[in-house]
């Protein structure tokens, strides 16, 4: 028979109780601390939707900021090209179409083929003129010159000789301000005045005018087509260097010839004063030559023609 002390009997149940007590306290603490276990909560679909919304909020915070539609579109569609800045269109000179002027003409003079066109002088007087590629310049009849008031203006009317098929004939040299054939025109036109050449026309339009255009003749429609030539940078007053040199040379030589003639006539002995009319005529021609030269000079000054193009 074993003998156990009272202390040992008391200790064993006490130790077990203490261990049980600690376990119960732990379970109770866990239940009280945990909100899920502490509340007798029944979960519904509404709670599930709330959790989903919370999850979506988190996802949205993690996503990058949304981009504009245009950017998304350009990225998704490879065929889309970025917008280009507007480009100013420049037209080359060669691409500009030259102006064309059609003028109806009279094709017959009796049994002869002609090209007779209406011409306007100084924006006022109209007359029929013959296009003549064999004539160097403009030639008009005395009748047309009178209608233009060329003899009354006092702007220069120099006595010269006109060359023709029949030889040399007396004529006068002057300058017409402008002429117009349809839309084609020219300014400052040196012109010879002489006898009438035909009852059908009042003069000739020569190469000084025609060389400024590309001229085509439509014989079926009886139309002359004047097409403007490409502009050249060295055209001054609508004329090239050769035109200026030629006219300065002509005007200058005419003045020198009349000055020499005047000197010669005034140097002749004339006790009876029989040469007075001839001397007066020579004096007048020198004055007229000076008028024409000044008119050409003024025209050259207006268009800044170089002095190297002028011959005095």
C-alpha atoms as a PDB file:
ATOM      1  CA  UNK A   1       0.000   0.000   0.000  1.00  0.00           C
ATOM      2  CA  UNK A   2       1.372   3.288  -1.107  1.00  0.00           C
ATOM      3  CA  UNK A   3       1.217   6.225   1.046  1.00  0.00           C
ATOM      4  CA  UNK A   4       0.746   9.617  -0.795  1.00  0.00           C
ATOM      5  CA  UNK A   5       0.987  12.918   0.892  1.00  0.00           C
ATOM      6  CA  UNK A   6      -1.900  15.366   0.926  1.00  0.00           C
ATOM      7  CA  UNK A   7       0.164  17.921  -1.015  1.00  0.00           C
ATOM      8  CA  UNK A   8       0.692  15.592  -3.938  1.00  0.00           C
ATOM      9  CA  UNK A   9      -3.005  14.799  -4.068  1.00  0.00           C
ATOM     10  CA  UNK A  10      -3.849  18.495  -4.084  1.00  0.00           C
ATOM     11  CA  UNK A  11      -1.137  19.374  -6.674  1.00  0.00           C
ATOM     12  CA  UNK A  12      -2.171  17.029  -9.451  1.00  0.00           C
ATOM     13  CA  UNK A  13      -5.766  18.180  -9.908  1.00  0.00           C
ATOM     14  CA  UNK A  14      -4.649  21.736  -9.481  1.00  0.00           C
ATOM     15  CA  UNK A  15      -2.105  21.483 -12.310  1.00  0.00           C
ATOM     16  CA  UNK A  16      -4.662  19.952 -14.646  1.00  0.00           C
ATOM     17  CA  UNK A  17      -7.167  22.642 -13.882  1.00  0.00           C
ATOM     18  CA  UNK A  18      -4.663  25.318 -14.465  1.00  0.00           C
ATOM     19  CA  UNK A  19      -3.806  23.922 -17.891  1.00  0.00           C
ATOM     20  CA  UNK A  20      -7.471  23.607 -18.746  1.00  0.00           C
ATOM     21  CA  UNK A  21      -8.095  27.121 -17.571  1.00  0.00           C
ATOM     22  CA  UNK A  22      -5.353  28.496 -19.802  1.00  0.00           C
ATOM     23  CA  UNK A  23      -6.758  26.650 -22.785  1.00  0.00           C
ATOM     24  CA  UNK A  24     -10.255  27.985 -22.147  1.00  0.00           C
ATOM     25  CA  UNK A  25      -8.935  31.520 -21.763  1.00  0.00           C
ATOM     26  CA  UNK A  26      -7.105  31.259 -25.079  1.00  0.00           C
ATOM     27  CA  UNK A  27     -10.223  30.045 -26.849  1.00  0.00           C
ATOM     28  CA  UNK A  28     -12.387  32.789 -25.329  1.00  0.00           C
ATOM     29  CA  UNK A  29      -9.798  35.477 -26.240  1.00  0.00           C
ATOM     30  CA  UNK A  30      -9.647  34.290 -29.834  1.00  0.00           C
ATOM     31  CA  UNK A  31     -13.413  34.374 -30.077  1.00  0.00           C
ATOM     32  CA  UNK A  32     -13.615  37.891 -28.632  1.00  0.00           C
ATOM     33  CA  UNK A  33     -10.802  39.306 -30.785  1.00  0.00           C
ATOM     34  CA  UNK A  34     -11.882  37.851 -34.147  1.00  0.00           C
ATOM     35  CA  UNK A  35     -14.786  39.930 -35.682  1.00  0.00           C
ATOM     36  CA  UNK A  36     -15.773  37.073 -37.921  1.00  0.00           C
ATOM     37  CA  UNK A  37     -16.226  34.632 -35.064  1.00  0.00           C
ATOM     38  CA  UNK A  38     -17.412  37.230 -32.590  1.00  0.00           C
ATOM     39  CA  UNK A  39     -20.456  38.201 -34.629  1.00  0.00           C
ATOM     40  CA  UNK A  40     -22.968  35.694 -35.706  1.00  0.00           C
ATOM     41  CA  UNK A  41     -23.132  37.271 -39.255  1.00  0.00           C
ATOM     42  CA  UNK A  42     -24.940  35.777 -42.203  1.00  0.00           C
ATOM     43  CA  UNK A  43     -23.301  36.767 -45.582  1.00  0.00           C
ATOM     44  CA  UNK A  44     -25.515  37.810 -48.505  1.00  0.00           C
ATOM     45  CA  UNK A  45     -25.070  38.781 -52.233  1.00  0.00           C
ATOM     46  CA  UNK A  46     -24.903  42.425 -51.188  1.00  0.00           C
ATOM     47  CA  UNK A  47     -21.788  41.756 -49.118  1.00  0.00           C
ATOM     48  CA  UNK A  48     -20.240  39.963 -52.087  1.00  0.00           C
ATOM     49  CA  UNK A  49     -20.852  42.972 -54.368  1.00  0.00           C
ATOM     50  CA  UNK A  50     -19.244  45.276 -51.807  1.00  0.00           C
ATOM     51  CA  UNK A  51     -16.117  43.142 -51.761  1.00  0.00           C
ATOM     52  CA  UNK A  52     -16.035  43.149 -55.560  1.00  0.00           C
ATOM     53  CA  UNK A  53     -16.273  46.950 -55.639  1.00  0.00           C
ATOM     54  CA  UNK A  54     -13.382  47.171 -53.195  1.00  0.00           C
ATOM     55  CA  UNK A  55     -11.337  44.893 -55.411  1.00  0.00           C
ATOM     56  CA  UNK A  56     -12.138  47.039 -58.470  1.00  0.00           C
ATOM     57  CA  UNK A  57     -11.009  50.172 -56.686  1.00  0.00           C
ATOM     58  CA  UNK A  58      -7.689  48.592 -56.015  1.00  0.00           C
ATOM     59  CA  UNK A  59      -7.332  47.512 -59.630  1.00  0.00           C
ATOM     60  CA  UNK A  60      -8.212  50.977 -60.949  1.00  0.00           C
ATOM     61  CA  UNK A  61      -5.544  52.547 -58.766  1.00  0.00           C
ATOM     62  CA  UNK A  62      -2.981  50.169 -60.173  1.00  0.00           C
ATOM     63  CA  UNK A  63      -3.973  50.846 -63.842  1.00  0.00           C
ATOM     64  CA  UNK A  64      -2.149  53.666 -65.731  1.00  0.00           C
ATOM     65  CA  UNK A  65      -4.099  56.862 -66.437  1.00  0.00           C
ATOM     66  CA  UNK A  66      -6.404  56.572 -69.463  1.00  0.00           C
ATOM     67  CA  UNK A  67      -5.119  57.930 -72.789  1.00  0.00           C
ATOM     68  CA  UNK A  68      -7.031  60.048 -75.277  1.00  0.00           C
ATOM     69  CA  UNK A  69      -9.025  58.325 -77.990  1.00  0.00           C
ATOM     70  CA  UNK A  70      -6.907  59.757 -80.768  1.00  0.00           C
ATOM     71  CA  UNK A  71      -3.740  58.326 -79.269  1.00  0.00           C
ATOM     72  CA  UNK A  72      -5.298  54.914 -78.664  1.00  0.00           C
ATOM     73  CA  UNK A  73      -6.623  54.936 -82.196  1.00  0.00           C
ATOM     74  CA  UNK A  74      -3.271  55.799 -83.701  1.00  0.00           C
ATOM     75  CA  UNK A  75      -1.616  53.015 -81.761  1.00  0.00           C
ATOM     76  CA  UNK A  76      -4.223  50.387 -82.496  1.00  0.00           C
ATOM     77  CA  UNK A  77      -4.536  51.214 -86.196  1.00  0.00           C
ATOM     78  CA  UNK A  78      -1.186  50.998 -87.958  1.00  0.00           C
ATOM     79  CA  UNK A  79      -2.585  52.454 -91.203  1.00  0.00           C
ATOM     80  CA  UNK A  80      -3.328  55.816 -89.527  1.00  0.00           C
ATOM     81  CA  UNK A  81      -0.666  58.393 -90.350  1.00  0.00           C
ATOM     82  CA  UNK A  82       0.109  61.529 -88.324  1.00  0.00           C
ATOM     83  CA  UNK A  83      -1.376  64.737 -89.652  1.00  0.00           C
ATOM     84  CA  UNK A  84       0.990  66.658 -91.899  1.00  0.00           C
ATOM     85  CA  UNK A  85       1.390  70.409 -91.838  1.00  0.00           C
ATOM     86  CA  UNK A  86      -0.110  72.179 -94.856  1.00  0.00           C
ATOM     87  CA  UNK A  87       2.506  72.765 -97.513  1.00  0.00           C
ATOM     88  CA  UNK A  88       2.373  75.949 -99.555  1.00  0.00           C
ATOM     89  CA  UNK A  89       2.262  75.157-103.267  1.00  0.00           C
ATOM     90  CA  UNK A  90       4.857  76.981-105.344  1.00  0.00           C
ATOM     91  CA  UNK A  91       4.293  77.247-109.096  1.00  0.00           C
ATOM     92  CA  UNK A  92       7.379  77.270-111.232  1.00  0.00           C
ATOM     93  CA  UNK A  93       7.691  79.831-113.957  1.00  0.00           C
ATOM     94  CA  UNK A  94       7.782  77.079-116.543  1.00  0.00           C
ATOM     95  CA  UNK A  95       4.396  75.809-115.330  1.00  0.00           C
ATOM     96  CA  UNK A  96       2.648  79.164-115.814  1.00  0.00           C
ATOM     97  CA  UNK A  97       0.840  79.114-119.120  1.00  0.00           C
ATOM     98  CA  UNK A  98       1.602  82.120-121.337  1.00  0.00           C
ATOM     99  CA  UNK A  99      -1.250  84.416-122.287  1.00  0.00           C
ATOM    100  CA  UNK A 100      -2.736  83.980-125.751  1.00  0.00           C
ATOM    101  CA  UNK A 101      -4.666  86.517-127.789  1.00  0.00           C
ATOM    102  CA  UNK A 102      -6.723  85.576-130.831  1.00  0.00           C
ATOM    103  CA  UNK A 103      -7.419  88.240-133.431  1.00  0.00           C
ATOM    104  CA  UNK A 104      -9.567  87.728-136.536  1.00  0.00           C
ATOM    105  CA  UNK A 105      -7.968  88.937-139.779  1.00  0.00           C
ATOM    106  CA  UNK A 106      -8.942  89.779-143.353  1.00  0.00           C
ATOM    107  CA  UNK A 107      -7.327  87.216-145.605  1.00  0.00           C
ATOM    108  CA  UNK A 108      -7.619  88.780-149.058  1.00  0.00           C
ATOM    109  CA  UNK A 109      -6.701  91.972-150.834  1.00  0.00           C
ATOM    110  CA  UNK A 110      -8.022  91.476-154.316  1.00  0.00           C
ATOM    111  CA  UNK A 111      -6.416  88.269-155.535  1.00  0.00           C
ATOM    112  CA  UNK A 112      -3.554  88.423-153.000  1.00  0.00           C
ATOM    113  CA  UNK A 113      -3.414  86.602-149.678  1.00  0.00           C
ATOM    114  CA  UNK A 114      -2.981  89.026-146.806  1.00  0.00           C
ATOM    115  CA  UNK A 115      -3.150  89.155-143.033  1.00  0.00           C
ATOM    116  CA  UNK A 116      -4.864  92.453-142.266  1.00  0.00           C
ATOM    117  CA  UNK A 117      -5.761  93.077-138.619  1.00  0.00           C
ATOM    118  CA  UNK A 118      -7.436  95.897-136.685  1.00  0.00           C
ATOM    119  CA  UNK A 119      -4.980  97.973-134.630  1.00  0.00           C
ATOM    120  CA  UNK A 120      -5.696 100.595-131.944  1.00  0.00           C
ATOM    121  CA  UNK A 121      -3.276 103.536-131.675  1.00  0.00           C
ATOM    122  CA  UNK A 122      -2.844 105.551-128.469  1.00  0.00           C
ATOM    123  CA  UNK A 123      -5.996 103.955-127.019  1.00  0.00           C
ATOM    124  CA  UNK A 124      -8.195 105.985-129.388  1.00  0.00           C
ATOM    125  CA  UNK A 125      -7.688 105.661-133.147  1.00  0.00           C
ATOM    126  CA  UNK A 126      -8.421 102.360-134.922  1.00  0.00           C
ATOM    127  CA  UNK A 127      -7.141 101.365-138.347  1.00  0.00           C
ATOM    128  CA  UNK A 128      -6.509  98.266-140.455  1.00  0.00           C
ATOM    129  CA  UNK A 129      -2.848  97.285-140.711  1.00  0.00           C
ATOM    130  CA  UNK A 130      -0.948  94.619-142.634  1.00  0.00           C
ATOM    131  CA  UNK A 131       1.227  92.153-140.721  1.00  0.00           C
ATOM    132  CA  UNK A 132       4.550  92.096-142.580  1.00  0.00           C
ATOM    133  CA  UNK A 133       7.457  89.945-141.388  1.00  0.00           C
ATOM    134  CA  UNK A 134       9.665  91.610-144.012  1.00  0.00           C
ATOM    135  CA  UNK A 135       9.272  95.079-142.478  1.00  0.00           C
ATOM    136  CA  UNK A 136      11.712  95.968-139.667  1.00  0.00           C
ATOM    137  CA  UNK A 137       9.388  98.398-137.853  1.00  0.00           C
ATOM    138  CA  UNK A 138       6.065 100.245-137.838  1.00  0.00           C
ATOM    139  CA  UNK A 139       4.981 102.174-140.923  1.00  0.00           C
ATOM    140  CA  UNK A 140       1.798 104.305-141.170  1.00  0.00           C
ATOM    141  CA  UNK A 141       0.278 106.519-143.844  1.00  0.00           C
ATOM    142  CA  UNK A 142       0.184 110.317-143.598  1.00  0.00           C
ATOM    143  CA  UNK A 143      -3.607 110.092-143.401  1.00  0.00           C
ATOM    144  CA  UNK A 144      -3.396 107.946-140.243  1.00  0.00           C
ATOM    145  CA  UNK A 145      -0.698 110.229-138.820  1.00  0.00           C
ATOM    146  CA  UNK A 146      -3.034 113.196-139.226  1.00  0.00           C
ATOM    147  CA  UNK A 147      -5.822 111.330-137.433  1.00  0.00           C
ATOM    148  CA  UNK A 148      -3.395 110.675-134.577  1.00  0.00           C
ATOM    149  CA  UNK A 149      -2.442 114.385-134.481  1.00  0.00           C
ATOM    150  CA  UNK A 150       1.216 113.466-134.987  1.00  0.00           C
ATOM    151  CA  UNK A 151       1.887 116.660-136.970  1.00  0.00           C
ATOM    152  CA  UNK A 152       0.351 118.884-134.299  1.00  0.00           C
ATOM    153  CA  UNK A 153       1.916 117.573-131.104  1.00  0.00           C
ATOM    154  CA  UNK A 154       5.375 118.980-131.689  1.00  0.00           C
ATOM    155  CA  UNK A 155       6.973 115.948-129.968  1.00  0.00           C
ATOM    156  CA  UNK A 156       9.444 115.159-132.714  1.00  0.00           C
ATOM    157  CA  UNK A 157       8.928 114.690-136.440  1.00  0.00           C
ATOM    158  CA  UNK A 158      12.249 114.015-138.082  1.00  0.00           C
ATOM    159  CA  UNK A 159      12.790 113.934-141.841  1.00  0.00           C
ATOM    160  CA  UNK A 160      14.233 110.573-142.954  1.00  0.00           C
ATOM    161  CA  UNK A 161      14.284 108.264-145.955  1.00  0.00           C
ATOM    162  CA  UNK A 162      12.156 105.138-146.033  1.00  0.00           C
ATOM    163  CA  UNK A 163      13.504 102.074-147.801  1.00  0.00           C
ATOM    164  CA  UNK A 164      11.099 100.083-149.924  1.00  0.00           C
ATOM    165  CA  UNK A 165      10.817  97.940-153.035  1.00  0.00           C
ATOM    166  CA  UNK A 166      10.835 101.052-155.187  1.00  0.00           C
ATOM    167  CA  UNK A 167      13.954 102.461-153.507  1.00  0.00           C
ATOM    168  CA  UNK A 168      14.264 105.338-151.044  1.00  0.00           C
ATOM    169  CA  UNK A 169      11.418 107.783-150.534  1.00  0.00           C
ATOM    170  CA  UNK A 170      11.076 110.805-148.196  1.00  0.00           C
ATOM    171  CA  UNK A 171       9.415 109.981-144.883  1.00  0.00           C
ATOM    172  CA  UNK A 172       9.239 111.164-141.290  1.00  0.00           C
ATOM    173  CA  UNK A 173      10.260 109.442-138.072  1.00  0.00           C
ATOM    174  CA  UNK A 174       8.204 109.813-134.896  1.00  0.00           C
ATOM    175  CA  UNK A 175       7.196 107.829-131.802  1.00  0.00           C
ATOM    176  CA  UNK A 176       3.707 106.466-131.101  1.00  0.00           C
ATOM    177  CA  UNK A 177       2.928 106.064-127.410  1.00  0.00           C
ATOM    178  CA  UNK A 178       1.263 102.657-127.656  1.00  0.00           C
ATOM    179  CA  UNK A 179      -0.453 100.261-130.041  1.00  0.00           C
ATOM    180  CA  UNK A 180      -2.827  97.369-129.354  1.00  0.00           C
ATOM    181  CA  UNK A 181      -3.749  94.331-131.483  1.00  0.00           C
ATOM    182  CA  UNK A 182      -6.408  92.484-129.528  1.00  0.00           C
ATOM    183  CA  UNK A 183      -4.815  91.867-126.135  1.00  0.00           C
ATOM    184  CA  UNK A 184      -1.272  92.122-127.492  1.00  0.00           C
ATOM    185  CA  UNK A 185       0.362  95.505-127.161  1.00  0.00           C
ATOM    186  CA  UNK A 186       3.551  97.567-127.117  1.00  0.00           C
ATOM    187  CA  UNK A 187       4.629 100.945-125.778  1.00  0.00           C
ATOM    188  CA  UNK A 188       6.971 103.555-127.221  1.00  0.00           C
ATOM    189  CA  UNK A 189       6.853 102.488-130.846  1.00  0.00           C
ATOM    190  CA  UNK A 190       9.256 104.242-133.266  1.00  0.00           C
ATOM    191  CA  UNK A 191       7.210 104.742-136.433  1.00  0.00           C
ATOM    192  CA  UNK A 192       7.906 105.870-139.980  1.00  0.00           C
ATOM    193  CA  UNK A 193       5.283 108.042-141.703  1.00  0.00           C
ATOM    194  CA  UNK A 194       5.013 107.930-145.486  1.00  0.00           C
ATOM    195  CA  UNK A 195       2.722 107.587-148.445  1.00  0.00           C
ATOM    196  CA  UNK A 196      -0.249 105.228-148.369  1.00  0.00           C
ATOM    197  CA  UNK A 197       0.543 101.715-149.556  1.00  0.00           C
ATOM    198  CA  UNK A 198      -2.972 100.387-150.197  1.00  0.00           C
ATOM    199  CA  UNK A 199      -6.619 101.276-150.033  1.00  0.00           C
ATOM    200  CA  UNK A 200      -7.200  98.225-147.790  1.00  0.00           C
ATOM    201  CA  UNK A 201      -4.851  99.143-144.922  1.00  0.00           C
ATOM    202  CA  UNK A 202      -3.086 102.175-143.425  1.00  0.00           C
ATOM    203  CA  UNK A 203       0.364 100.753-142.836  1.00  0.00           C
ATOM    204  CA  UNK A 204       2.590  97.867-141.785  1.00  0.00           C
ATOM    205  CA  UNK A 205       3.182  96.128-138.477  1.00  0.00           C
ATOM    206  CA  UNK A 206       6.762  94.883-138.676  1.00  0.00           C
ATOM    207  CA  UNK A 207       9.142  92.684-136.723  1.00  0.00           C
ATOM    208  CA  UNK A 208       9.731  95.179-133.906  1.00  0.00           C
ATOM    209  CA  UNK A 209       6.251  94.261-132.695  1.00  0.00           C
ATOM    210  CA  UNK A 210       5.949  90.685-133.957  1.00  0.00           C
ATOM    211  CA  UNK A 211       9.242  89.560-132.374  1.00  0.00           C
ATOM    212  CA  UNK A 212       7.726  90.118-128.931  1.00  0.00           C
ATOM    213  CA  UNK A 213       5.292  87.232-129.442  1.00  0.00           C
ATOM    214  CA  UNK A 214       5.046  83.705-130.721  1.00  0.00           C
ATOM    215  CA  UNK A 215       2.720  84.215-133.710  1.00  0.00           C
ATOM    216  CA  UNK A 216       0.527  81.452-135.132  1.00  0.00           C
ATOM    217  CA  UNK A 217      -1.809  81.764-138.110  1.00  0.00           C
ATOM    218  CA  UNK A 218      -4.942  79.642-138.269  1.00  0.00           C
ATOM    219  CA  UNK A 219      -5.843  79.931-141.959  1.00  0.00           C
ATOM    220  CA  UNK A 220      -9.013  77.853-141.570  1.00  0.00           C
ATOM    221  CA  UNK A 221     -10.517  80.074-138.920  1.00  0.00           C
ATOM    222  CA  UNK A 222      -8.805  83.241-140.250  1.00  0.00           C
ATOM    223  CA  UNK A 223      -7.370  83.965-136.816  1.00  0.00           C
ATOM    224  CA  UNK A 224      -3.933  85.193-135.725  1.00  0.00           C
ATOM    225  CA  UNK A 225      -2.803  83.922-132.316  1.00  0.00           C
ATOM    226  CA  UNK A 226      -0.331  86.052-130.355  1.00  0.00           C
ATOM    227  CA  UNK A 227       1.274  84.122-127.491  1.00  0.00           C
ATOM    228  CA  UNK A 228       3.420  85.960-124.964  1.00  0.00           C
ATOM    229  CA  UNK A 229       7.032  84.837-124.692  1.00  0.00           C
ATOM    230  CA  UNK A 230       8.521  83.942-121.275  1.00  0.00           C
ATOM    231  CA  UNK A 231       9.599  87.044-119.391  1.00  0.00           C
ATOM    232  CA  UNK A 232      13.311  87.751-119.317  1.00  0.00           C
ATOM    233  CA  UNK A 233      14.925  89.479-116.328  1.00  0.00           C
ATOM    234  CA  UNK A 234      16.831  92.001-118.486  1.00  0.00           C
ATOM    235  CA  UNK A 235      13.755  93.393-120.279  1.00  0.00           C
ATOM    236  CA  UNK A 236      13.510  97.072-119.400  1.00  0.00           C
ATOM    237  CA  UNK A 237      10.350  98.869-120.491  1.00  0.00           C
ATOM    238  CA  UNK A 238       9.372  95.670-122.294  1.00  0.00           C
ATOM    239  CA  UNK A 239      12.500  95.765-124.505  1.00  0.00           C
ATOM    240  CA  UNK A 240      15.803  93.931-124.482  1.00  0.00           C
ATOM    241  CA  UNK A 241      19.285  95.376-124.675  1.00  0.00           C
ATOM    242  CA  UNK A 242      19.474  95.084-128.460  1.00  0.00           C
ATOM    243  CA  UNK A 243      16.285  97.136-128.905  1.00  0.00           C
ATOM    244  CA  UNK A 244      17.635  99.941-126.743  1.00  0.00           C
ATOM    245  CA  UNK A 245      21.011  99.968-128.474  1.00  0.00           C
ATOM    246  CA  UNK A 246      19.440  99.914-131.955  1.00  0.00           C
ATOM    247  CA  UNK A 247      17.070 102.814-131.296  1.00  0.00           C
ATOM    248  CA  UNK A 248      19.704 104.919-129.541  1.00  0.00           C
ATOM    249  CA  UNK A 249      22.031 104.302-132.449  1.00  0.00           C
ATOM    250  CA  UNK A 250      19.363 105.284-134.996  1.00  0.00           C
ATOM    251  CA  UNK A 251      18.242 108.419-133.151  1.00  0.00           C
ATOM    252  CA  UNK A 252      21.811 109.466-132.401  1.00  0.00           C
ATOM    253  CA  UNK A 253      23.018 108.991-135.999  1.00  0.00           C
ATOM    254  CA  UNK A 254      20.034 110.944-137.354  1.00  0.00           C
ATOM    255  CA  UNK A 255      20.804 113.862-135.060  1.00  0.00           C
ATOM    256  CA  UNK A 256      24.499 113.831-136.005  1.00  0.00           C
ATOM    257  CA  UNK A 257      23.640 113.753-139.712  1.00  0.00           C
ATOM    258  CA  UNK A 258      21.355 116.792-139.384  1.00  0.00           C
ATOM    259  CA  UNK A 259      23.876 118.651-137.249  1.00  0.00           C
ATOM    260  CA  UNK A 260      26.528 118.079-139.921  1.00  0.00           C
ATOM    261  CA  UNK A 261      24.082 119.151-142.640  1.00  0.00           C
ATOM    262  CA  UNK A 262      23.218 122.289-140.679  1.00  0.00           C
ATOM    263  CA  UNK A 263      26.910 123.124-140.254  1.00  0.00           C
ATOM    264  CA  UNK A 264      27.521 122.589-143.948  1.00  0.00           C
ATOM    265  CA  UNK A 265      24.559 124.733-145.102  1.00  0.00           C
ATOM    266  CA  UNK A 266      25.406 127.580-142.762  1.00  0.00           C
ATOM    267  CA  UNK A 267      29.024 127.452-143.966  1.00  0.00           C
ATOM    268  CA  UNK A 268      28.075 128.050-147.589  1.00  0.00           C
ATOM    269  CA  UNK A 269      28.489 131.553-149.035  1.00  0.00           C
ATOM    270  CA  UNK A 270      25.113 133.055-149.798  1.00  0.00           C
ATOM    271  CA  UNK A 271      25.310 136.781-150.568  1.00  0.00           C
ATOM    272  CA  UNK A 272      21.777 136.842-152.001  1.00  0.00           C
ATOM    273  CA  UNK A 273      20.290 134.846-149.091  1.00  0.00           C
ATOM    274  CA  UNK A 274      18.944 132.189-151.436  1.00  0.00           C
ATOM    275  CA  UNK A 275      19.750 129.423-148.937  1.00  0.00           C
ATOM    276  CA  UNK A 276      17.567 130.842-146.166  1.00  0.00           C
ATOM    277  CA  UNK A 277      14.782 128.270-146.573  1.00  0.00           C
ATOM    278  CA  UNK A 278      17.286 125.413-146.679  1.00  0.00           C
ATOM    279  CA  UNK A 279      19.045 126.743-143.575  1.00  0.00           C
ATOM    280  CA  UNK A 280      15.730 127.084-141.728  1.00  0.00           C
ATOM    281  CA  UNK A 281      14.829 123.561-142.695  1.00  0.00           C
ATOM    282  CA  UNK A 282      18.181 122.252-141.405  1.00  0.00           C
ATOM    283  CA  UNK A 283      17.725 124.166-138.123  1.00  0.00           C
ATOM    284  CA  UNK A 284      14.260 122.668-137.655  1.00  0.00           C
ATOM    285  CA  UNK A 285      15.485 119.121-138.274  1.00  0.00           C
ATOM    286  CA  UNK A 286      18.160 119.473-135.634  1.00  0.00           C
ATOM    287  CA  UNK A 287      15.461 120.636-133.176  1.00  0.00           C
ATOM    288  CA  UNK A 288      13.216 117.682-134.096  1.00  0.00           C
ATOM    289  CA  UNK A 289      16.120 115.264-133.688  1.00  0.00           C
ATOM    290  CA  UNK A 290      16.763 116.697-130.208  1.00  0.00           C
ATOM    291  CA  UNK A 291      13.080 116.226-129.305  1.00  0.00           C
ATOM    292  CA  UNK A 292      13.131 112.576-130.311  1.00  0.00           C
ATOM    293  CA  UNK A 293      16.386 112.007-128.438  1.00  0.00           C
ATOM    294  CA  UNK A 294      14.995 113.585-125.268  1.00  0.00           C
ATOM    295  CA  UNK A 295      11.845 111.480-125.571  1.00  0.00           C
ATOM    296  CA  UNK A 296      13.933 108.314-125.813  1.00  0.00           C
ATOM    297  CA  UNK A 297      16.074 109.471-122.877  1.00  0.00           C
ATOM    298  CA  UNK A 298      13.021 110.081-120.694  1.00  0.00           C
ATOM    299  CA  UNK A 299      11.679 106.645-121.527  1.00  0.00           C
ATOM    300  CA  UNK A 300      15.068 105.110-120.656  1.00  0.00           C
ATOM    301  CA  UNK A 301      15.215 107.014-117.343  1.00  0.00           C
ATOM    302  CA  UNK A 302      11.721 105.797-116.388  1.00  0.00           C
ATOM    303  CA  UNK A 303      12.922 102.195-116.670  1.00  0.00           C
ATOM    304  CA  UNK A 304      16.473 102.691-115.350  1.00  0.00           C
ATOM    305  CA  UNK A 305      18.170 101.647-118.584  1.00  0.00           C
ATOM    306  CA  UNK A 306      21.961 101.381-118.036  1.00  0.00           C
ATOM    307  CA  UNK A 307      24.122 104.073-119.634  1.00  0.00           C
ATOM    308  CA  UNK A 308      26.098 101.338-121.357  1.00  0.00           C
ATOM    309  CA  UNK A 309      22.983 100.577-123.456  1.00  0.00           C
ATOM    310  CA  UNK A 310      22.723 104.152-124.652  1.00  0.00           C
ATOM    311  CA  UNK A 311      24.756 105.503-127.537  1.00  0.00           C
ATOM    312  CA  UNK A 312      24.893 109.247-128.044  1.00  0.00           C
END
